[in-house]
Amino acid sequence: MGKTISCSVLLALIYCFYLLFGTALDTITPSKSIKYPDVIISQNGVFRLGFFSLANSSNRYVGILYNQIPVQTVVWVANRNRLLEDSSGILNILDDCSLVVSNGKAEVLWSSHVNNTAPNATTAQLLDTGNLVLSNGEDGASSLCESFEDPSNAFIETMKISTDVKKGRKVELKSWKSIDDPSDGNFSLSLEPFNSPEGIIRKNNELYYRTGPWNGNTFIGLIDKYTAYLEGFDVVADNPQQPYYMTYEISNDSMLIYGELDSQGKFTEWKWDAGKGNWIFKYSSYQTNCDVYGYCGAFGICDSSRRPICCCLKGFKPRNIEEWSRGNWSSGCFRTTPLQCQRDNNNGSGAGQGDDGFLEMKRMKVPAFPHPSSISNGQCKDQCMNMKNCSCMAYAYDDGIGCMLWSGDLIDVQKFSASGVDLYIRLPFSELDKGKSSKVIVITTVIAGIVVITISALFLRCRMLKHKGNI
């Protein structure tokens, strides 16, 4: 039996080595670089930074991985778009204080692109959060850059996803091209401020998925809107002048949870199961085709429990019947009867046929791009009805957001079996149930009148004939 050295003994020897040379195990300095198979390990051993390969490939990358679990789980990749073809790579701090990954030919494959006036004091430290922080100064107090500001496809505890419109800065996840290729894929995940903060996934910069607005506790456009937030998930702003950011922090230190934006555009949360020795599924953003943005087009409604899953909102018809019959619903729907306010604005002849009203639709994912208003629930309907130029097409109310109004096309409407928000769609009087009821009453009254008149006429006719017979 050959000689073996346990991992614990090996780590102890490495630790003693670094103690002798006065360099921390979790830090890279100008005088200390790492080469394959060297690693640095965060203070409590949660994460490691070093070279790794994917599948059976000999290509290598520099990245951050979970250190205490048997399944290789990568949370950040430095040279994701320029791989190392052999084991000759090096990660070090240059004279200009940039942290770089180079190959054996001294070609820079990745750089932090940071210039610092105190090169000898620059360090790169791997924290137990999984954040690699490049800083300067005796105590590293001045941060130059950090991996959390340029994440890969993983969302881990204390990371902040945000969009600062004023400064033109965005921290977003970027998917891998495939499960074995960490280069930039087609999808990105960000928190967009809009009128209310909203989680957004884009495919090639086009809107692909949205969570619905944040109401202070949850995103109201999720099918199971409470599942994802039971363990520290939050959207916050440090002060009113700062942009919102999306983060999570778990109170149980022994629990590992991480989110991943995969190469197919699906954001999935995983939870580590020590007993099974593997990650187990916790939550996914994409559950049905209804979750794809605008799947049923403008004024279409998606319901995964129905077949077909797309139909038009009440008062609307498919814009392209042929495409709809083939299962392509992206062209959406059009209104069959103009709103009364539209006829009035156009000086049409429809005046006096009844005012517009609203159709209540329960448990809905509200349309994209609402305009919030601070008015009360009771005033929300009136504000929508009284907006200029007949522009308000729908309204909804949520206690955390307030009144939401929509102008123009209603896109990305989905029917939920549970949760969701009550949505009120503006319709002409003739399309409302009360309009139809009124029509039924009118028709019934007319028919009854005709019957009464007919019977009366027959009665009078018979009476007249009888009277003539008596004469």
Protein backbone atom coordinates (compact mmCIF):
# COMPACT_ATOMS: atom_id res chain seq x y z
CA MET A 1 0.00 0.00 0.00
CA GLY A 2 1.50 3.34 -1.06
CA LYS A 3 2.11 6.23 1.22
CA THR A 4 -0.74 8.76 1.48
CA ILE A 5 -1.17 12.10 3.17
CA SER A 6 -4.65 13.08 4.33
CA CYS A 7 -6.13 16.40 3.22
CA SER A 8 -6.16 17.67 6.79
CA VAL A 9 -2.46 16.95 7.26
CA LEU A 10 -1.64 18.54 3.91
CA LEU A 11 -3.60 21.67 4.75
CA ALA A 12 -1.89 21.85 8.13
CA LEU A 13 1.52 21.68 6.46
CA ILE A 14 0.55 24.41 3.98
CA TYR A 15 -0.77 26.55 6.83
CA CYS A 16 2.51 26.20 8.76
CA PHE A 17 4.44 27.07 5.60
CA TYR A 18 2.56 30.31 5.15
CA LEU A 19 2.91 31.15 8.84
CA LEU A 20 6.66 30.86 8.47
CA PHE A 21 6.72 33.21 5.50
CA GLY A 22 4.22 35.63 6.98
CA THR A 23 1.65 35.50 4.18
CA ALA A 24 -2.04 34.78 4.68
CA LEU A 25 -3.59 31.72 3.07
CA ASP A 26 -6.41 33.80 1.64
CA THR A 27 -4.35 36.56 -0.01
CA ILE A 28 -2.32 37.25 -3.15
CA THR A 29 0.35 39.95 -2.97
CA PRO A 30 2.82 41.42 -5.49
CA SER A 31 5.41 38.97 -4.17
CA LYS A 32 3.05 35.99 -4.02
CA SER A 33 1.35 34.64 -7.13
CA ILE A 34 -0.41 31.34 -7.71
CA LYS A 35 0.19 28.77 -10.43
CA TYR A 36 -1.49 25.47 -11.14
CA PRO A 37 -2.22 23.60 -8.86
CA ASP A 38 -1.82 26.33 -6.18
CA VAL A 39 -4.90 27.78 -4.47
CA ILE A 40 -5.77 30.36 -1.88
CA ILE A 41 -8.51 29.52 0.61
CA SER A 42 -10.79 31.93 2.47
CA GLN A 43 -10.19 32.30 6.21
CA ASN A 44 -12.74 29.71 7.33
CA GLY A 45 -12.25 27.45 4.35
CA VAL A 46 -15.60 28.17 2.67
CA PHE A 47 -14.22 29.10 -0.77
CA ARG A 48 -11.03 28.58 -2.74
CA LEU A 49 -9.50 30.43 -5.66
CA GLY A 50 -7.38 28.58 -8.16
CA PHE A 51 -7.19 26.80 -11.49
CA PHE A 52 -9.85 24.32 -12.54
CA SER A 53 -11.01 22.35 -15.56
CA LEU A 54 -14.47 21.36 -16.78
CA ALA A 55 -15.56 17.84 -17.78
CA ASN A 56 -12.60 15.93 -19.27
CA SER A 57 -11.04 18.97 -20.90
CA SER A 58 -7.42 19.97 -20.37
CA ASN A 59 -8.38 23.63 -20.76
CA ARG A 60 -8.12 25.58 -17.54
CA TYR A 61 -9.71 28.60 -15.96
CA VAL A 62 -9.06 30.67 -12.85
CA GLY A 63 -12.10 30.84 -10.64
CA ILE A 64 -13.71 30.73 -7.22
CA LEU A 65 -15.27 27.46 -6.06
CA TYR A 66 -16.94 26.10 -2.94
CA ASN A 67 -14.17 24.45 -0.97
CA GLN A 68 -15.89 22.18 1.54
CA ILE A 69 -18.21 20.14 -0.66
CA PRO A 70 -17.33 17.19 -2.94
CA VAL A 71 -19.19 18.51 -6.00
CA GLN A 72 -17.18 21.00 -8.06
CA THR A 73 -19.28 24.17 -7.95
CA VAL A 74 -17.89 27.27 -9.66
CA VAL A 75 -19.25 30.65 -8.55
CA TRP A 76 -16.92 33.00 -10.47
CA VAL A 77 -14.56 32.74 -13.43
CA ALA A 78 -11.85 35.30 -14.18
CA ASN A 79 -10.75 34.33 -17.70
CA ARG A 80 -14.15 33.06 -18.81
CA ASN A 81 -13.73 34.34 -22.37
CA ARG A 82 -10.06 33.39 -22.86
CA LEU A 83 -9.17 29.92 -21.65
CA LEU A 84 -5.80 28.45 -20.74
CA GLU A 85 -4.87 25.56 -23.01
CA ASP A 86 -2.38 24.00 -20.59
CA SER A 87 -1.13 24.20 -17.01
CA SER A 88 1.27 27.10 -17.57
CA GLY A 89 -1.04 29.81 -16.26
CA ILE A 90 -0.31 32.27 -13.48
CA LEU A 91 -2.45 34.66 -11.41
CA ASN A 92 -0.50 37.61 -10.04
CA ILE A 93 -0.49 41.34 -9.31
CA LEU A 94 1.44 43.46 -11.82
CA ASP A 95 3.37 46.67 -11.22
CA ASP A 96 0.32 48.74 -12.19
CA CYS A 97 -1.58 46.91 -9.43
CA SER A 98 -3.85 45.03 -11.82
CA LEU A 99 -4.67 41.44 -10.96
CA VAL A 100 -4.11 39.40 -14.12
CA VAL A 101 -4.30 35.88 -15.49
CA SER A 102 -1.50 35.11 -17.95
CA ASN A 103 -0.43 32.05 -19.91
CA GLY A 104 3.05 30.61 -20.35
CA LYS A 105 3.77 33.08 -23.15
CA ALA A 106 3.07 36.02 -20.81
CA GLU A 107 -0.10 36.84 -22.74
CA VAL A 108 -2.70 38.47 -20.50
CA LEU A 109 -5.95 36.48 -20.67
CA TRP A 110 -7.82 38.52 -18.08
CA SER A 111 -7.13 41.70 -16.10
CA SER A 112 -8.87 43.69 -13.38
CA HIS A 113 -7.74 46.88 -15.19
CA VAL A 114 -6.95 48.82 -12.03
CA ASN A 115 -4.23 51.42 -11.57
CA ASN A 116 -2.98 52.18 -8.08
CA THR A 117 -0.39 54.61 -6.77
CA ALA A 118 0.73 52.23 -4.02
CA PRO A 119 1.65 48.99 -5.83
CA ASN A 120 3.54 47.39 -2.96
CA ALA A 121 0.49 47.64 -0.70
CA THR A 122 -1.93 46.04 -3.17
CA THR A 123 -3.47 42.71 -2.17
CA ALA A 124 -6.17 40.39 -3.47
CA GLN A 125 -8.03 38.66 -0.63
CA LEU A 126 -10.61 35.90 -0.91
CA LEU A 127 -13.34 36.38 1.70
CA ASP A 128 -15.60 33.75 3.24
CA THR A 129 -18.48 35.31 1.29
CA GLY A 130 -16.83 34.18 -1.95
CA ASN A 131 -15.88 37.75 -2.85
CA LEU A 132 -12.37 38.37 -4.17
CA VAL A 133 -11.39 41.91 -3.16
CA LEU A 134 -8.47 43.79 -4.69
CA SER A 135 -7.46 46.58 -2.31
CA ASN A 136 -4.56 48.76 -1.21
CA GLY A 137 -3.27 50.31 1.99
CA GLU A 138 -1.81 48.72 5.11
CA ASP A 139 -5.14 47.32 6.24
CA GLY A 140 -6.66 46.88 2.78
CA ALA A 141 -9.28 49.47 3.62
CA SER A 142 -9.40 50.99 0.13
CA SER A 143 -11.15 48.61 -2.28
CA LEU A 144 -10.05 48.90 -5.90
CA CYS A 145 -12.40 46.29 -7.33
CA GLU A 146 -14.06 43.03 -6.37
CA SER A 147 -15.43 39.94 -8.06
CA PHE A 148 -18.93 40.70 -6.73
CA GLU A 149 -18.93 43.79 -8.99
CA ASP A 150 -18.37 41.63 -12.08
CA PRO A 151 -20.12 38.32 -11.35
CA SER A 152 -20.35 35.32 -13.63
CA ASN A 153 -23.51 33.19 -13.62
CA ALA A 154 -23.81 32.54 -9.87
CA PHE A 155 -25.74 34.53 -7.27
CA ILE A 156 -24.39 33.86 -3.78
CA GLU A 157 -25.02 35.22 -0.31
CA THR A 158 -24.32 38.97 0.27
CA MET A 159 -23.80 39.61 -3.46
CA LYS A 160 -25.68 42.68 -4.72
CA ILE A 161 -27.37 42.76 -8.13
CA SER A 162 -28.17 46.36 -9.06
CA THR A 163 -28.54 49.00 -11.76
CA ASP A 164 -27.37 52.55 -11.10
CA VAL A 165 -28.86 54.62 -13.91
CA LYS A 166 -27.23 57.88 -12.81
CA LYS A 167 -23.71 56.43 -12.79
CA GLY A 168 -24.34 54.09 -15.72
CA ARG A 169 -23.26 51.06 -13.67
CA LYS A 170 -24.89 47.67 -13.70
CA VAL A 171 -24.04 44.54 -11.72
CA GLU A 172 -25.69 41.58 -13.43
CA LEU A 173 -25.33 37.85 -13.85
CA LYS A 174 -24.20 36.53 -17.23
CA SER A 175 -24.97 32.98 -18.26
CA TRP A 176 -22.39 30.50 -19.49
CA LYS A 177 -22.48 29.54 -23.16
CA SER A 178 -22.98 25.90 -22.15
CA ILE A 179 -22.53 23.67 -19.12
CA ASP A 180 -18.89 23.06 -20.15
CA ASP A 181 -18.12 26.52 -21.53
CA PRO A 182 -18.08 29.48 -19.10
CA SER A 183 -17.68 32.12 -21.82
CA ASP A 184 -20.43 34.72 -22.10
CA GLY A 185 -23.74 33.15 -23.05
CA ASN A 186 -26.93 34.67 -24.43
CA PHE A 187 -28.64 35.56 -21.16
CA SER A 188 -28.21 38.16 -18.42
CA LEU A 189 -30.06 38.74 -15.14
CA SER A 190 -30.40 42.19 -13.62
CA LEU A 191 -32.51 44.26 -11.27
CA GLU A 192 -34.07 47.09 -13.26
CA PRO A 193 -35.39 50.18 -11.44
CA PHE A 194 -38.30 50.93 -13.83
CA ASN A 195 -41.09 52.58 -11.81
CA SER A 196 -40.81 49.75 -9.26
CA PRO A 197 -37.77 47.44 -8.98
CA GLU A 198 -38.15 44.32 -11.09
CA GLY A 199 -35.98 41.27 -11.77
CA ILE A 200 -35.29 40.92 -15.49
CA ILE A 201 -33.69 38.22 -17.64
CA ARG A 202 -32.65 39.27 -21.14
CA LYS A 203 -31.78 37.11 -24.13
CA ASN A 204 -29.34 38.86 -26.44
CA ASN A 205 -30.37 42.15 -24.81
CA GLU A 206 -34.08 41.52 -25.51
CA LEU A 207 -36.52 41.13 -22.61
CA TYR A 208 -37.04 37.40 -22.01
CA TYR A 209 -38.44 37.05 -18.48
CA ARG A 210 -39.61 39.36 -15.71
CA THR A 211 -40.57 38.84 -12.09
CA GLY A 212 -43.21 41.56 -11.86
CA PRO A 213 -42.73 44.62 -9.59
CA TRP A 214 -41.30 44.38 -6.08
CA ASN A 215 -43.84 45.32 -3.39
CA GLY A 216 -41.51 45.40 -0.38
CA ASN A 217 -41.89 41.70 0.41
CA THR A 218 -41.93 39.83 -2.88
CA PHE A 219 -42.08 40.11 -6.65
CA ILE A 220 -45.79 40.04 -7.42
CA GLY A 221 -45.34 38.37 -10.82
CA LEU A 222 -44.04 35.02 -9.55
CA ILE A 223 -46.29 31.96 -9.69
CA ASP A 224 -45.22 30.85 -6.22
CA LYS A 225 -44.20 34.26 -4.98
CA TYR A 226 -43.27 33.38 -1.39
CA THR A 227 -41.12 30.28 -1.91
CA ALA A 228 -37.97 32.12 -2.95
CA TYR A 229 -37.91 34.56 -0.05
CA LEU A 230 -38.14 32.38 3.03
CA GLU A 231 -34.39 32.41 3.62
CA GLY A 232 -33.12 35.97 3.55
CA PHE A 233 -33.91 37.19 0.03
CA ASP A 234 -34.53 40.93 -0.21
CA VAL A 235 -34.58 44.00 -2.46
CA VAL A 236 -33.41 47.09 -0.60
CA ALA A 237 -31.85 50.54 -0.94
CA ASP A 238 -29.38 51.74 1.70
CA ASN A 239 -30.92 55.23 1.49
CA PRO A 240 -33.39 57.07 -0.78
CA GLN A 241 -30.56 58.48 -2.91
CA GLN A 242 -29.07 55.04 -3.61
CA PRO A 243 -30.34 52.53 -6.20
CA TYR A 244 -32.14 49.37 -5.12
CA TYR A 245 -30.16 46.15 -5.07
CA MET A 246 -31.15 42.49 -4.89
CA THR A 247 -29.41 40.31 -2.32
CA TYR A 248 -29.90 37.59 0.25
CA GLU A 249 -28.36 36.72 3.59
CA ILE A 250 -28.98 33.48 5.47
CA SER A 251 -29.07 33.42 9.26
CA ASN A 252 -28.10 29.73 9.36
CA ASP A 253 -24.33 29.61 8.72
CA SER A 254 -24.42 25.87 8.06
CA MET A 255 -26.84 26.25 5.13
CA LEU A 256 -25.53 26.62 1.59
CA ILE A 257 -27.81 28.13 -1.04
CA TYR A 258 -26.80 29.58 -4.37
CA GLY A 259 -28.57 30.76 -7.50
CA GLU A 260 -27.48 30.07 -11.04
CA LEU A 261 -28.44 31.61 -14.38
CA ASP A 262 -27.99 28.67 -16.73
CA SER A 263 -27.22 28.63 -20.44
CA GLN A 264 -30.95 28.27 -21.30
CA GLY A 265 -31.91 31.48 -19.47
CA LYS A 266 -33.41 29.80 -16.41
CA PHE A 267 -32.54 31.14 -12.96
CA THR A 268 -32.49 28.27 -10.46
CA GLU A 269 -31.84 28.24 -6.73
CA TRP A 270 -30.08 25.22 -5.23
CA LYS A 271 -29.67 24.08 -1.64
CA TRP A 272 -26.84 21.85 -0.46
CA ASP A 273 -27.93 18.53 1.06
CA ALA A 274 -25.04 17.14 3.12
CA GLY A 275 -26.80 13.79 3.56
CA LYS A 276 -27.17 13.26 -0.18
CA GLY A 277 -23.86 14.92 -0.94
CA ASN A 278 -25.38 16.99 -3.70
CA TRP A 279 -27.30 20.13 -4.58
CA ILE A 280 -31.09 19.79 -4.50
CA PHE A 281 -33.57 21.90 -6.44
CA LYS A 282 -35.20 24.76 -4.52
CA TYR A 283 -36.79 27.18 -7.00
CA SER A 284 -36.80 28.04 -10.70
CA SER A 285 -37.86 31.20 -12.51
CA TYR A 286 -38.98 29.34 -15.61
CA GLN A 287 -41.76 26.80 -15.07
CA THR A 288 -43.92 26.99 -18.21
CA ASN A 289 -43.90 28.77 -21.57
CA CYS A 290 -46.15 31.38 -19.96
CA ASP A 291 -43.06 32.64 -18.14
CA VAL A 292 -41.47 33.74 -21.43
CA TYR A 293 -42.01 37.47 -21.82
CA GLY A 294 -44.88 38.36 -24.16
CA TYR A 295 -45.51 34.74 -25.13
CA CYS A 296 -49.13 35.49 -26.10
CA GLY A 297 -48.44 38.93 -27.55
CA ALA A 298 -50.21 42.22 -26.86
CA PHE A 299 -53.62 41.87 -25.18
CA GLY A 300 -53.13 38.11 -24.97
CA ILE A 301 -53.42 36.13 -21.75
CA CYS A 302 -51.39 33.01 -20.94
CA ASP A 303 -52.81 30.23 -18.79
CA SER A 304 -50.66 27.10 -18.47
CA SER A 305 -53.65 25.08 -17.23
CA ARG A 306 -55.52 25.56 -20.53
CA ARG A 307 -55.04 24.18 -24.03
CA PRO A 308 -54.09 26.13 -25.97
CA ILE A 309 -52.32 28.16 -23.33
CA CYS A 310 -52.91 31.49 -25.11
CA CYS A 311 -56.17 33.30 -25.67
CA CYS A 312 -57.22 36.91 -26.14
CA LEU A 313 -58.48 39.11 -23.36
CA LYS A 314 -62.23 39.59 -23.33
CA GLY A 315 -63.25 42.05 -26.04
CA PHE A 316 -60.22 41.20 -28.23
CA LYS A 317 -59.58 38.84 -31.16
CA PRO A 318 -56.37 37.32 -32.63
CA ARG A 319 -54.54 39.71 -34.92
CA ASN A 320 -53.41 36.85 -37.18
CA ILE A 321 -55.76 33.86 -37.13
CA GLU A 322 -53.47 31.72 -39.30
CA GLU A 323 -50.48 32.15 -36.98
CA TRP A 324 -52.62 31.49 -33.92
CA SER A 325 -53.92 28.26 -35.43
CA ARG A 326 -50.30 27.13 -35.79
CA GLY A 327 -49.51 27.89 -32.16
CA ASN A 328 -47.61 31.13 -32.79
CA TRP A 329 -49.33 33.68 -30.57
CA SER A 330 -46.70 36.43 -30.60
CA SER A 331 -48.74 38.70 -32.91
CA GLY A 332 -51.24 39.19 -30.08
CA CYS A 333 -54.79 40.49 -30.25
CA PHE A 334 -56.77 43.60 -31.20
CA ARG A 335 -59.83 45.24 -29.71
CA THR A 336 -63.04 44.37 -31.56
CA THR A 337 -65.19 47.24 -30.30
CA PRO A 338 -63.74 50.73 -29.67
CA LEU A 339 -63.99 52.15 -26.19
CA GLN A 340 -66.76 54.70 -25.74
CA CYS A 341 -64.18 57.35 -24.85
CA GLN A 342 -62.38 56.63 -28.15
CA ARG A 343 -65.61 57.09 -30.09
CA ASP A 344 -66.32 60.31 -28.22
CA ASN A 345 -62.80 61.60 -28.93
CA ASN A 346 -63.24 60.80 -32.62
CA ASN A 347 -66.65 62.52 -32.70
CA GLY A 348 -68.25 59.26 -33.66
CA SER A 349 -71.92 58.43 -33.55
CA GLY A 350 -71.65 56.05 -30.62
CA ALA A 351 -72.33 58.59 -27.89
CA GLY A 352 -75.06 57.60 -25.52
CA GLN A 353 -74.47 53.86 -25.85
CA GLY A 354 -73.14 53.54 -22.29
CA ASP A 355 -69.90 54.41 -20.54
CA ASP A 356 -66.80 52.22 -20.49
CA GLY A 357 -66.27 49.96 -17.51
CA PHE A 358 -63.78 47.47 -16.10
CA LEU A 359 -63.65 43.68 -16.15
CA GLU A 360 -62.18 42.13 -12.99
CA MET A 361 -59.60 39.37 -13.55
CA LYS A 362 -58.46 37.63 -10.37
CA ARG A 363 -55.04 36.12 -9.56
CA MET A 364 -53.11 37.66 -12.43
CA LYS A 365 -49.52 38.45 -13.29
CA VAL A 366 -49.92 42.12 -14.09
CA PRO A 367 -48.76 43.50 -17.48
CA ALA A 368 -45.30 44.94 -18.01
CA PHE A 369 -44.34 48.55 -17.27
CA PRO A 370 -46.99 49.81 -14.85
CA HIS A 371 -47.19 53.48 -13.88
CA PRO A 372 -47.50 53.62 -10.08
CA SER A 373 -49.61 56.23 -8.31
CA SER A 374 -49.76 57.12 -4.63
CA ILE A 375 -53.56 57.37 -4.57
CA SER A 376 -55.74 55.03 -2.53
CA ASN A 377 -57.33 51.83 -3.74
CA GLY A 378 -60.73 53.48 -3.92
CA GLN A 379 -59.42 56.24 -6.20
CA CYS A 380 -57.44 53.98 -8.53
CA LYS A 381 -60.39 53.14 -10.80
CA ASP A 382 -61.44 56.79 -11.11
CA GLN A 383 -57.93 57.93 -12.01
CA CYS A 384 -57.74 55.32 -14.77
CA MET A 385 -61.17 56.26 -16.09
CA ASN A 386 -60.38 59.98 -16.11
CA MET A 387 -56.91 59.91 -17.69
CA LYS A 388 -56.60 62.17 -20.72
CA ASN A 389 -57.00 60.91 -24.28
CA CYS A 390 -58.60 57.65 -23.17
CA SER A 391 -55.07 56.38 -22.50
CA CYS A 392 -55.56 54.12 -19.46
CA MET A 393 -56.20 50.52 -20.51
CA ALA A 394 -56.12 48.79 -17.10
CA TYR A 395 -55.43 49.25 -13.41
CA ALA A 396 -54.54 47.15 -10.37
CA TYR A 397 -53.78 47.77 -6.71
CA ASP A 398 -51.24 46.19 -4.37
CA ASP A 399 -50.83 47.26 -0.74
CA GLY A 400 -47.03 47.42 -1.05
CA ILE A 401 -46.91 49.27 -4.38
CA GLY A 402 -50.16 51.21 -4.48
CA CYS A 403 -52.19 51.99 -7.57
CA MET A 404 -50.78 50.73 -10.88
CA LEU A 405 -51.99 52.07 -14.23
CA TRP A 406 -51.29 50.87 -17.77
CA SER A 407 -51.37 52.79 -21.03
CA GLY A 408 -50.94 51.33 -24.49
CA ASP A 409 -50.59 47.61 -25.16
CA LEU A 410 -50.99 45.16 -22.28
CA ILE A 411 -48.12 42.68 -22.60
CA ASP A 412 -47.09 39.62 -20.58
CA VAL A 413 -50.40 38.98 -18.80
CA GLN A 414 -50.63 35.58 -17.12
CA LYS A 415 -53.35 33.75 -15.21
CA PHE A 416 -52.26 32.15 -11.91
CA SER A 417 -53.99 29.37 -10.02
CA ALA A 418 -52.92 31.00 -6.74
CA SER A 419 -51.31 34.28 -5.61
CA GLY A 420 -51.28 37.04 -8.22
CA VAL A 421 -53.07 40.39 -8.21
CA ASP A 422 -56.59 41.40 -9.24
CA LEU A 423 -56.36 43.18 -12.61
CA TYR A 424 -59.09 45.41 -14.05
CA ILE A 425 -59.28 45.67 -17.86
CA ARG A 426 -61.05 48.60 -19.50
CA LEU A 427 -63.84 47.51 -21.87
CA PRO A 428 -66.68 49.20 -23.74
CA PHE A 429 -70.12 48.92 -22.17
CA SER A 430 -71.25 46.36 -24.75
CA GLU A 431 -68.48 43.91 -23.74
CA LEU A 432 -69.27 44.00 -20.04
CA ASP A 433 -71.57 41.47 -18.39
CA LYS A 434 -73.85 44.28 -17.25
CA GLY A 435 -74.04 45.49 -20.84
CA LYS A 436 -75.10 42.06 -22.00
CA SER A 437 -77.56 41.80 -19.15
CA SER A 438 -79.07 45.13 -20.20
CA LYS A 439 -79.34 43.89 -23.77
CA VAL A 440 -81.09 40.73 -22.59
CA ILE A 441 -83.52 42.81 -20.52
CA VAL A 442 -84.25 45.10 -23.46
CA ILE A 443 -84.75 42.20 -25.86
CA THR A 444 -86.93 40.34 -23.37
CA THR A 445 -89.02 43.45 -22.76
CA VAL A 446 -89.49 44.03 -26.48
CA ILE A 447 -90.51 40.42 -27.08
CA ALA A 448 -92.89 40.48 -24.12
CA GLY A 449 -94.41 43.69 -25.45
CA ILE A 450 -94.91 42.19 -28.87
CA VAL A 451 -96.56 39.12 -27.35
CA VAL A 452 -98.88 41.28 -25.23
CA ILE A 453 -99.80 43.44 -28.21
CA THR A 454 -100.42 40.38 -30.39
CA ILE A 455 -102.62 38.71 -27.78
CA SER A 456 -104.51 41.95 -27.22
CA ALA A 457 -105.05 42.37 -30.95
CA LEU A 458 -106.31 38.81 -31.31
CA PHE A 459 -108.62 39.29 -28.33
CA LEU A 460 -110.04 42.47 -29.82
CA ARG A 461 -110.42 40.80 -33.21
CA CYS A 462 -112.35 37.88 -31.74
CA ARG A 463 -114.54 40.26 -29.76
CA MET A 464 -115.34 42.29 -32.84
CA LEU A 465 -116.23 39.18 -34.84
CA LYS A 466 -118.48 37.97 -32.04
CA HIS A 467 -120.17 41.34 -31.87
CA LYS A 468 -120.89 41.26 -35.62
CA GLY A 469 -122.36 37.74 -35.29
CA ASN A 470 -124.81 38.92 -32.66
CA ILE A 471 -126.03 41.67 -34.96
